[in-house]
Amino acid sequence: MNSTLVFGGTFDPVHRGHIESVCAVARLLGDVDVYLVPCQIPAHRPVPAASPEARLKMLQLAVANQDRIFVDDCELRREGTSYTVDTLLGYRQRVGESGRLLFLMGRDSWVTLSSWHRWEVLTDLAHLLILERPGTDQVSPGVLREWLKTRQVQDPQEMMNSSSGKVCFLSLDQIDVSASGLREAIAKGSSVEGNVNPLVMNYIRQHNLYTGASSENKMLGKRMEHE
């Protein structure tokens, strides 16, 4: 049975770490289609520096030559805060009751899960894959450790015989790169070669993203002044 893997985020900007991580997970799972979902308004992060349109375009450029990795703008088309539960409800309708659905998140997101909108029902909709991040050693809150007791499995292959309901932590070789670090480097004029797809980097330069000089950043500032 084919699997559907959803990976959401701000992707501000998308970088090599994002793409290589989802590719590694896809290889581990086997027969899987990957959907990268850029959020409109994040519930637990600052407003992205680049516009939704720019982040969507950068993602499309980053996966242009990737097989079975797709970009889904469902959260950009949805008004208001981007809640994961709403996205997974949409995917569950898409894949059907018996379709295998997985949601990938980083450890840094996992430790905040109990503050997410309707977080308790996420495993009713999908399996959760928690990707350990380089340089992080965050302890799961007690409420999550209790919640894990009936859901955690040690091997992602244990998820392959059901459509949802399990949680698995993955430790994979990853590149230690962050979007915030890249934004700072670009703003300073430092090289980010090797960490950002050349097509994405060309787009960033063409639109003066993350330099403070783009019209998108100016519009962002105006919006924040009125919030």
Protein backbone atom coordinates (compact mmCIF):
# COMPACT_ATOMS: atom_id res chain seq x y z
CA MET A 1 0.00 0.00 0.00
CA ASN A 2 1.30 3.45 -0.92
CA SER A 3 2.01 5.91 1.91
CA THR A 4 1.54 9.68 2.06
CA LEU A 5 4.06 11.71 4.06
CA VAL A 6 3.25 15.32 4.96
CA PHE A 7 5.96 17.76 6.08
CA GLY A 8 4.84 21.26 7.02
CA GLY A 9 6.74 24.39 7.95
CA THR A 10 7.44 28.00 7.12
CA PHE A 11 10.30 27.08 4.74
CA ASP A 12 11.70 30.58 5.17
CA PRO A 13 13.77 29.75 3.13
CA VAL A 14 13.69 26.08 2.14
CA HIS A 15 17.20 24.65 2.47
CA ARG A 16 19.26 21.56 1.88
CA GLY A 17 18.46 20.22 5.34
CA HIS A 18 14.72 20.18 4.60
CA ILE A 19 15.08 18.36 1.30
CA GLU A 20 17.73 15.83 2.34
CA SER A 21 15.77 14.98 5.50
CA VAL A 22 12.53 14.21 3.68
CA CYS A 23 14.45 12.25 1.03
CA ALA A 24 16.11 10.16 3.76
CA VAL A 25 12.78 9.48 5.43
CA ALA A 26 11.19 8.57 2.10
CA ARG A 27 13.98 6.07 1.39
CA LEU A 28 13.48 4.57 4.84
CA LEU A 29 9.73 4.17 4.39
CA GLY A 30 9.84 2.90 0.82
CA ASP A 31 6.74 3.43 -1.31
CA VAL A 32 5.78 6.97 -0.30
CA ASP A 33 4.65 10.26 -1.82
CA VAL A 34 5.96 13.33 0.02
CA TYR A 35 4.03 16.60 0.28
CA LEU A 36 5.74 19.76 1.51
CA VAL A 37 3.16 22.16 2.95
CA PRO A 38 4.19 25.78 3.53
CA CYS A 39 2.07 27.43 6.21
CA GLN A 40 0.17 30.68 5.83
CA ILE A 41 0.19 31.96 9.43
CA PRO A 42 2.19 29.80 11.87
CA ALA A 43 0.59 29.24 15.26
CA HIS A 44 3.84 28.92 17.24
CA ARG A 45 6.45 30.82 15.24
CA PRO A 46 7.03 34.45 14.23
CA VAL A 47 5.46 35.69 11.00
CA PRO A 48 7.74 34.52 8.15
CA ALA A 49 10.05 37.13 6.64
CA ALA A 50 9.21 36.17 3.04
CA SER A 51 5.69 36.31 1.63
CA PRO A 52 3.61 33.14 1.18
CA GLU A 53 3.99 33.49 -2.59
CA ALA A 54 7.78 33.70 -2.34
CA ARG A 55 8.06 30.74 0.00
CA LEU A 56 5.82 28.67 -2.27
CA LYS A 57 7.91 29.53 -5.32
CA MET A 58 11.17 28.69 -3.54
CA LEU A 59 9.78 25.28 -2.55
CA GLN A 60 8.68 24.58 -6.11
CA LEU A 61 12.16 25.44 -7.37
CA ALA A 62 13.82 23.28 -4.70
CA VAL A 63 11.91 20.11 -5.67
CA ALA A 64 11.68 20.69 -9.43
CA ASN A 65 13.92 17.70 -10.14
CA GLN A 66 12.74 15.45 -7.31
CA ASP A 67 10.58 12.40 -7.97
CA ARG A 68 7.51 11.91 -5.75
CA ILE A 69 8.11 15.09 -3.75
CA PHE A 70 5.34 17.62 -4.26
CA VAL A 71 4.46 21.08 -2.96
CA ASP A 72 0.93 21.58 -1.63
CA ASP A 73 -0.40 25.12 -1.10
CA CYS A 74 -3.49 23.99 0.87
CA GLU A 75 -2.54 26.07 3.94
CA LEU A 76 -1.81 29.13 1.82
CA ARG A 77 -5.30 28.88 0.34
CA ARG A 78 -6.87 28.57 3.78
CA GLU A 79 -7.58 31.77 5.68
CA GLY A 80 -6.41 32.31 9.24
CA THR A 81 -3.88 30.43 11.36
CA SER A 82 -2.47 27.27 9.80
CA TYR A 83 -3.41 24.41 12.11
CA THR A 84 -1.91 20.99 11.44
CA VAL A 85 -5.11 19.22 12.46
CA ASP A 86 -7.00 20.97 9.65
CA THR A 87 -4.33 19.99 7.13
CA LEU A 88 -4.35 16.35 8.23
CA LEU A 89 -8.14 16.27 8.13
CA GLY A 90 -7.90 17.32 4.49
CA TYR A 91 -5.31 14.66 3.73
CA ARG A 92 -7.32 11.98 5.51
CA GLN A 93 -10.27 12.79 3.27
CA ARG A 94 -7.93 12.62 0.28
CA VAL A 95 -6.33 9.24 1.05
CA GLY A 96 -9.46 7.62 2.50
CA GLU A 97 -10.05 5.84 5.78
CA SER A 98 -7.58 3.03 5.07
CA GLY A 99 -4.83 5.11 3.41
CA ARG A 100 -1.53 5.24 5.29
CA LEU A 101 -0.83 8.84 6.33
CA LEU A 102 2.30 10.08 8.12
CA PHE A 103 3.22 13.51 9.44
CA LEU A 104 6.87 14.48 9.85
CA MET A 105 8.03 17.03 12.41
CA GLY A 106 11.26 17.97 14.15
CA ARG A 107 12.01 17.35 17.81
CA ASP A 108 11.79 21.09 18.48
CA SER A 109 8.17 21.04 17.31
CA TRP A 110 7.39 17.81 19.15
CA VAL A 111 8.18 19.25 22.59
CA THR A 112 5.56 21.97 22.04
CA LEU A 113 2.90 19.56 20.74
CA SER A 114 0.66 19.79 23.81
CA SER A 115 0.09 23.49 23.02
CA TRP A 116 -1.08 22.74 19.46
CA HIS A 117 -4.72 23.10 18.43
CA ARG A 118 -6.53 19.76 19.01
CA TRP A 119 -3.20 17.97 19.33
CA GLU A 120 -4.69 14.90 20.99
CA VAL A 121 -6.48 13.86 17.79
CA LEU A 122 -3.46 14.04 15.48
CA THR A 123 -2.75 10.32 15.81
CA ASP A 124 -6.39 9.60 14.97
CA LEU A 125 -5.57 11.07 11.57
CA ALA A 126 -1.94 10.09 10.94
CA HIS A 127 1.19 8.46 12.25
CA LEU A 128 3.71 10.94 13.68
CA LEU A 129 7.39 10.73 12.76
CA ILE A 130 9.63 12.81 15.03
CA LEU A 131 12.97 13.69 13.49
CA GLU A 132 15.76 14.30 15.95
CA ARG A 133 17.60 17.53 15.13
CA PRO A 134 21.38 18.14 15.33
CA GLY A 135 22.39 19.94 18.50
CA THR A 136 19.06 19.50 20.30
CA ASP A 137 18.53 17.63 23.54
CA GLN A 138 15.00 18.61 24.48
CA VAL A 139 13.11 16.51 27.02
CA SER A 140 9.50 15.65 26.25
CA PRO A 141 7.01 17.20 28.72
CA GLY A 142 5.30 14.81 31.12
CA VAL A 143 1.95 15.05 29.36
CA LEU A 144 3.56 13.89 26.11
CA ARG A 145 5.48 11.06 27.78
CA GLU A 146 2.19 9.78 29.22
CA TRP A 147 0.44 10.16 25.86
CA LEU A 148 3.25 8.20 24.16
CA LYS A 149 2.81 5.09 26.29
CA THR A 150 0.14 3.54 24.08
CA ARG A 151 1.38 5.02 20.80
CA GLN A 152 5.17 4.87 20.54
CA VAL A 153 6.92 2.31 18.34
CA GLN A 154 10.67 1.89 17.91
CA ASP A 155 10.76 1.05 14.21
CA PRO A 156 8.89 3.04 11.54
CA GLN A 157 8.15 -0.22 9.76
CA GLU A 158 5.76 -0.98 12.63
CA MET A 159 3.58 1.80 11.20
CA MET A 160 3.25 0.11 7.84
CA ASN A 161 0.39 -2.22 8.81
CA SER A 162 -2.03 0.54 9.88
CA SER A 163 -3.30 3.85 8.56
CA SER A 164 -2.56 6.00 11.66
CA GLY A 165 -2.13 5.96 15.42
CA LYS A 166 1.59 5.50 16.08
CA VAL A 167 4.51 7.77 17.01
CA CYS A 168 8.12 7.00 16.13
CA PHE A 169 11.34 8.93 16.78
CA LEU A 170 13.96 8.86 14.03
CA SER A 171 17.68 9.56 14.33
CA LEU A 172 19.13 10.17 10.88
CA ASP A 173 22.29 11.83 9.65
CA GLN A 174 21.33 15.45 9.05
CA ILE A 175 22.93 18.70 8.02
CA ASP A 176 23.22 21.20 10.85
CA VAL A 177 21.62 24.16 9.07
CA SER A 178 18.72 26.39 10.06
CA ALA A 179 16.52 28.81 8.15
CA SER A 180 17.15 31.53 10.74
CA GLY A 181 20.90 31.11 10.35
CA LEU A 182 20.57 31.33 6.58
CA ARG A 183 18.49 34.50 6.80
CA GLU A 184 21.14 36.10 8.99
CA ALA A 185 23.92 35.04 6.63
CA ILE A 186 22.08 36.38 3.57
CA ALA A 187 21.39 39.67 5.35
CA LYS A 188 25.12 40.01 6.07
CA GLY A 189 26.08 39.12 2.53
CA SER A 190 27.77 35.90 3.63
CA SER A 191 27.88 32.85 1.39
CA VAL A 192 25.27 30.12 1.91
CA GLU A 193 26.53 28.04 -1.02
CA GLY A 194 25.89 24.35 -0.50
CA ASN A 195 23.01 24.88 1.89
CA VAL A 196 20.52 26.48 -0.51
CA ASN A 197 19.52 25.14 -3.93
CA PRO A 198 21.11 27.36 -6.62
CA LEU A 199 17.70 27.97 -8.22
CA VAL A 200 16.34 29.07 -4.85
CA MET A 201 19.36 31.28 -4.24
CA ASN A 202 18.89 32.95 -7.60
CA TYR A 203 15.27 33.66 -6.71
CA ILE A 204 16.31 35.12 -3.35
CA ARG A 205 18.81 37.43 -5.05
CA GLN A 206 16.40 38.47 -7.80
CA HIS A 207 13.77 39.48 -5.26
CA ASN A 208 16.17 40.86 -2.60
CA LEU A 209 14.73 38.52 0.01
CA TYR A 210 16.09 38.62 3.58
CA THR A 211 18.11 41.75 2.91
CA GLY A 212 15.60 44.21 4.36
CA ALA A 213 15.40 45.91 0.97
CA SER A 214 12.59 43.95 -0.65
CA SER A 215 9.10 45.33 -1.05
CA GLU A 216 7.83 42.13 0.55
CA ASN A 217 9.72 42.82 3.74
CA LYS A 218 8.49 46.42 3.73
CA MET A 219 4.90 45.24 3.35
CA LEU A 220 5.46 42.78 6.18
CA GLY A 221 6.60 45.62 8.42
CA LYS A 222 3.49 47.62 7.59
CA ARG A 223 1.23 44.67 8.38
CA MET A 224 2.95 44.08 11.73
CA GLU A 225 2.55 47.75 12.68
CA HIS A 226 -1.22 47.38 12.44
CA GLU A 227 -1.45 44.08 14.32
